[in-house]
Amino acid sequence: MRLEHFLKLQLSMEHKNKLENIKSSIEELFDKSTNEKNALLESIEMLWLDASIKKKKRETSLPENLNSNVVRIRQLLAAAWLEDLKE
């Protein structure tokens, strides 16, 4: 009878130790996942900032028909100046 009681107690202790190990593993993984999440958020923020800086640095490309508009504006200005000179 004492032996049975001792074996039950021993099994109970082993079970309790296994549960504690599982609990500590879960807590450790939770902490690691929190750290990883924070690192990813910082990384995303840095990429976002880098992308916005690169976007601002990007050279603006002008449309092809803009050159013809610029030429037309220059012609009109030249004509206006010519009229002013005539007066």
C-alpha atoms as a PDB file:
ATOM      1  CA  MET A   1       0.000   0.000   0.000  1.00  0.00           C
ATOM      2  CA  ARG A   2       2.801   2.401   0.850  1.00  0.00           C
ATOM      3  CA  LEU A   3       4.534   1.479  -2.367  1.00  0.00           C
ATOM      4  CA  GLU A   4       1.417   2.293  -4.390  1.00  0.00           C
ATOM      5  CA  HIS A   5       1.073   5.605  -2.621  1.00  0.00           C
ATOM      6  CA  PHE A   6       4.744   6.387  -3.266  1.00  0.00           C
ATOM      7  CA  LEU A   7       4.406   5.467  -6.986  1.00  0.00           C
ATOM      8  CA  LYS A   8       1.308   7.667  -7.361  1.00  0.00           C
ATOM      9  CA  LEU A   9       3.124  10.536  -5.681  1.00  0.00           C
ATOM     10  CA  GLN A  10       6.136  10.028  -7.938  1.00  0.00           C
ATOM     11  CA  LEU A  11       3.947   9.987 -11.064  1.00  0.00           C
ATOM     12  CA  SER A  12       2.180  13.098  -9.839  1.00  0.00           C
ATOM     13  CA  MET A  13       5.522  14.883  -9.354  1.00  0.00           C
ATOM     14  CA  GLU A  14       6.716  13.843 -12.823  1.00  0.00           C
ATOM     15  CA  HIS A  15       3.473  15.055 -14.320  1.00  0.00           C
ATOM     16  CA  LYS A  16       3.799  18.347 -12.459  1.00  0.00           C
ATOM     17  CA  ASN A  17       7.399  18.770 -13.689  1.00  0.00           C
ATOM     18  CA  LYS A  18       6.332  18.113 -17.273  1.00  0.00           C
ATOM     19  CA  LEU A  19       3.554  20.675 -16.964  1.00  0.00           C
ATOM     20  CA  GLU A  20       5.995  23.233 -15.564  1.00  0.00           C
ATOM     21  CA  ASN A  21       8.383  22.565 -18.450  1.00  0.00           C
ATOM     22  CA  ILE A  22       5.586  23.025 -20.967  1.00  0.00           C
ATOM     23  CA  LYS A  23       4.448  26.195 -19.237  1.00  0.00           C
ATOM     24  CA  SER A  24       7.949  27.672 -19.211  1.00  0.00           C
ATOM     25  CA  SER A  25       8.414  26.721 -22.879  1.00  0.00           C
ATOM     26  CA  ILE A  26       5.197  28.474 -23.836  1.00  0.00           C
ATOM     27  CA  GLU A  27       6.183  31.584 -21.881  1.00  0.00           C
ATOM     28  CA  GLU A  28       9.636  31.584 -23.486  1.00  0.00           C
ATOM     29  CA  LEU A  29       8.163  31.246 -26.981  1.00  0.00           C
ATOM     30  CA  PHE A  30       5.685  34.024 -26.235  1.00  0.00           C
ATOM     31  CA  ASP A  31       8.524  36.330 -25.168  1.00  0.00           C
ATOM     32  CA  LYS A  32      10.539  35.445 -28.264  1.00  0.00           C
ATOM     33  CA  SER A  33       7.555  36.039 -30.535  1.00  0.00           C
ATOM     34  CA  THR A  34       6.944  39.427 -28.897  1.00  0.00           C
ATOM     35  CA  ASN A  35      10.579  40.389 -29.482  1.00  0.00           C
ATOM     36  CA  GLU A  36      10.393  39.187 -33.078  1.00  0.00           C
ATOM     37  CA  LYS A  37       7.170  41.137 -33.634  1.00  0.00           C
ATOM     38  CA  ASN A  38       8.791  44.322 -32.310  1.00  0.00           C
ATOM     39  CA  ALA A  39      11.842  43.781 -34.508  1.00  0.00           C
ATOM     40  CA  LEU A  40       9.620  43.293 -37.556  1.00  0.00           C
ATOM     41  CA  LEU A  41       7.656  46.450 -36.777  1.00  0.00           C
ATOM     42  CA  GLU A  42      10.881  48.455 -36.505  1.00  0.00           C
ATOM     43  CA  SER A  43      12.108  46.930 -39.740  1.00  0.00           C
ATOM     44  CA  ILE A  44       8.869  47.797 -41.534  1.00  0.00           C
ATOM     45  CA  GLU A  45       9.030  51.364 -40.220  1.00  0.00           C
ATOM     46  CA  MET A  46      12.615  51.718 -41.462  1.00  0.00           C
ATOM     47  CA  LEU A  47      11.674  50.337 -44.887  1.00  0.00           C
ATOM     48  CA  TRP A  48       8.704  52.701 -45.016  1.00  0.00           C
ATOM     49  CA  LEU A  49      10.890  55.698 -44.198  1.00  0.00           C
ATOM     50  CA  ASP A  50      13.518  54.590 -46.697  1.00  0.00           C
ATOM     51  CA  ALA A  51      10.892  54.197 -49.403  1.00  0.00           C
ATOM     52  CA  SER A  52       9.464  57.652 -48.734  1.00  0.00           C
ATOM     53  CA  ILE A  53      12.952  59.187 -48.882  1.00  0.00           C
ATOM     54  CA  LYS A  54      13.708  57.399 -52.140  1.00  0.00           C
ATOM     55  CA  LYS A  55      10.348  58.531 -53.509  1.00  0.00           C
ATOM     56  CA  LYS A  56      11.212  62.131 -52.679  1.00  0.00           C
ATOM     57  CA  LYS A  57      14.675  61.767 -54.213  1.00  0.00           C
ATOM     58  CA  ARG A  58      13.329  60.238 -57.417  1.00  0.00           C
ATOM     59  CA  GLU A  59      13.812  62.536 -60.334  1.00  0.00           C
ATOM     60  CA  THR A  60      10.551  63.771 -61.694  1.00  0.00           C
ATOM     61  CA  SER A  61       9.930  62.594 -65.205  1.00  0.00           C
ATOM     62  CA  LEU A  62       8.129  65.013 -67.409  1.00  0.00           C
ATOM     63  CA  PRO A  63       5.584  63.858 -69.954  1.00  0.00           C
ATOM     64  CA  GLU A  64       6.611  63.863 -73.613  1.00  0.00           C
ATOM     65  CA  ASN A  65       3.989  66.431 -74.697  1.00  0.00           C
ATOM     66  CA  LEU A  66       5.283  68.860 -72.073  1.00  0.00           C
ATOM     67  CA  ASN A  67       8.168  69.867 -74.330  1.00  0.00           C
ATOM     68  CA  SER A  68       5.747  71.039 -77.010  1.00  0.00           C
ATOM     69  CA  ASN A  69       3.855  73.024 -74.351  1.00  0.00           C
ATOM     70  CA  VAL A  70       7.080  74.676 -73.205  1.00  0.00           C
ATOM     71  CA  VAL A  71       7.957  75.580 -76.781  1.00  0.00           C
ATOM     72  CA  ARG A  72       4.497  77.079 -77.308  1.00  0.00           C
ATOM     73  CA  ILE A  73       4.759  79.133 -74.105  1.00  0.00           C
ATOM     74  CA  ARG A  74       8.163  80.440 -75.208  1.00  0.00           C
ATOM     75  CA  GLN A  75       6.717  81.411 -78.579  1.00  0.00           C
ATOM     76  CA  LEU A  76       3.863  83.279 -76.925  1.00  0.00           C
ATOM     77  CA  LEU A  77       6.232  85.089 -74.566  1.00  0.00           C
ATOM     78  CA  ALA A  78       8.502  86.039 -77.444  1.00  0.00           C
ATOM     79  CA  ALA A  79       5.515  87.357 -79.375  1.00  0.00           C
ATOM     80  CA  ALA A  80       4.347  89.356 -76.360  1.00  0.00           C
ATOM     81  CA  TRP A  81       7.806  90.872 -75.854  1.00  0.00           C
ATOM     82  CA  LEU A  82       7.987  91.712 -79.525  1.00  0.00           C
ATOM     83  CA  GLU A  83       4.652  93.558 -79.272  1.00  0.00           C
ATOM     84  CA  ASP A  84       5.934  95.440 -76.215  1.00  0.00           C
ATOM     85  CA  LEU A  85       9.082  96.455 -78.107  1.00  0.00           C
ATOM     86  CA  LYS A  86       7.027  97.759 -81.042  1.00  0.00           C
ATOM     87  CA  GLU A  87       5.097 100.123 -78.792  1.00  0.00           C
END
